[in-house]
Amino acid sequence: MKCIAIAIGASVFILIIIRTLSYRDWTLIYSTFGNEEYFRIIAILKSAGIKFKIETPSRGIDTRTSRFKDNTQYNFYVKKEEEHLAVKVLHK
């Protein structure tokens, strides 16, 4: 039982390190909730020719009253050297 717990802990630790290294040269420029804003930001960044990554850390809580409201969180990352351009394009 201890071996399984240690293996799971080590696997999680390795995944965290891999994720950290894969986002090392990227910076968070924008976070949004819902599909409409998500697609709007994608269109803006693509039209400016800016490469980006998207992370979805939270899907939101699906309750009975907000079943049809999209509460998914989207985080947009760009290369550090393109951060200034991306921020400028998004604030037009």
Protein backbone atom coordinates (compact mmCIF):
# COMPACT_ATOMS: atom_id res chain seq x y z
CA MET A 1 0.00 0.00 0.00
CA LYS A 2 2.84 2.39 0.83
CA CYS A 3 4.52 1.60 -2.48
CA ILE A 4 1.39 2.58 -4.39
CA ALA A 5 1.09 5.87 -2.50
CA ILE A 6 4.77 6.64 -3.12
CA ALA A 7 4.41 5.80 -6.83
CA ILE A 8 1.35 8.04 -7.17
CA GLY A 9 3.11 10.88 -5.34
CA ALA A 10 6.19 10.53 -7.51
CA SER A 11 4.07 10.47 -10.68
CA VAL A 12 2.26 13.65 -9.67
CA PHE A 13 5.57 15.32 -8.85
CA ILE A 14 7.03 14.35 -12.23
CA LEU A 15 3.93 15.63 -14.06
CA ILE A 16 4.19 18.96 -12.23
CA ILE A 17 7.85 19.29 -13.23
CA ILE A 18 7.09 18.44 -16.86
CA ARG A 19 4.25 20.97 -16.98
CA THR A 20 6.42 23.66 -15.38
CA LEU A 21 9.22 23.08 -17.88
CA SER A 22 6.83 23.10 -20.85
CA TYR A 23 5.46 26.53 -19.83
CA ARG A 24 8.86 27.98 -18.86
CA ASP A 25 9.10 30.27 -21.91
CA TRP A 26 5.41 31.17 -21.91
CA THR A 27 3.57 33.85 -19.94
CA LEU A 28 -0.08 34.17 -18.99
CA ILE A 29 -1.66 37.13 -20.77
CA TYR A 30 -5.40 36.56 -20.46
CA SER A 31 -7.95 34.50 -18.54
CA THR A 32 -11.58 34.22 -19.50
CA PHE A 33 -14.73 32.26 -18.76
CA GLY A 34 -17.12 30.90 -21.38
CA ASN A 35 -17.02 30.04 -25.07
CA GLU A 36 -17.86 33.44 -26.56
CA GLU A 37 -14.87 35.24 -25.04
CA TYR A 38 -12.67 32.17 -25.66
CA PHE A 39 -13.32 32.24 -29.41
CA ARG A 40 -13.02 36.04 -29.56
CA ILE A 41 -9.52 35.94 -28.01
CA ILE A 42 -8.45 33.09 -30.31
CA ALA A 43 -9.57 35.09 -33.36
CA ILE A 44 -7.67 38.18 -32.23
CA LEU A 45 -4.43 36.31 -31.53
CA LYS A 46 -4.61 34.29 -34.76
CA SER A 47 -5.29 37.36 -36.88
CA ALA A 48 -2.19 39.00 -35.39
CA GLY A 49 -0.11 35.88 -36.08
CA ILE A 50 0.69 35.29 -32.42
CA LYS A 51 1.31 31.70 -31.30
CA PHE A 52 -0.46 30.78 -28.08
CA LYS A 53 -1.27 27.93 -25.73
CA ILE A 54 -4.50 27.44 -23.84
CA GLU A 55 -4.88 25.84 -20.43
CA THR A 56 -8.23 24.87 -18.94
CA PRO A 57 -7.70 24.66 -15.17
CA SER A 58 -11.38 24.80 -14.21
CA ARG A 59 -14.54 23.55 -15.88
CA GLY A 60 -16.84 25.35 -13.45
CA ILE A 61 -19.59 23.86 -11.36
CA ASP A 62 -22.63 22.55 -13.16
CA THR A 63 -25.61 23.27 -10.95
CA ARG A 64 -29.26 22.99 -11.70
CA THR A 65 -29.74 26.76 -12.00
CA SER A 66 -26.70 27.41 -14.19
CA ARG A 67 -26.74 24.25 -16.27
CA PHE A 68 -26.64 26.09 -19.60
CA LYS A 69 -24.13 28.77 -18.61
CA ASP A 70 -20.56 27.93 -19.58
CA ASN A 71 -18.28 28.51 -16.59
CA THR A 72 -15.18 26.96 -18.10
CA GLN A 73 -12.02 28.94 -17.40
CA TYR A 74 -9.48 29.41 -20.19
CA ASN A 75 -5.95 30.74 -19.62
CA PHE A 76 -4.08 32.07 -22.66
CA TYR A 77 -0.29 31.88 -22.74
CA VAL A 78 2.07 33.45 -25.30
CA LYS A 79 5.83 33.32 -25.73
CA LYS A 80 7.54 35.81 -23.43
CA GLU A 81 9.06 37.68 -26.37
CA GLU A 82 5.58 38.20 -27.90
CA GLU A 83 3.91 39.28 -24.65
CA HIS A 84 4.05 43.01 -25.41
CA LEU A 85 2.54 42.55 -28.88
CA ALA A 86 -0.19 40.22 -27.60
CA VAL A 87 -1.23 42.61 -24.84
CA LYS A 88 -1.26 45.50 -27.32
CA VAL A 89 -3.44 43.55 -29.77
CA LEU A 90 -5.87 42.45 -27.06
CA HIS A 91 -6.36 45.98 -25.75
CA LYS A 92 -7.26 47.55 -29.10
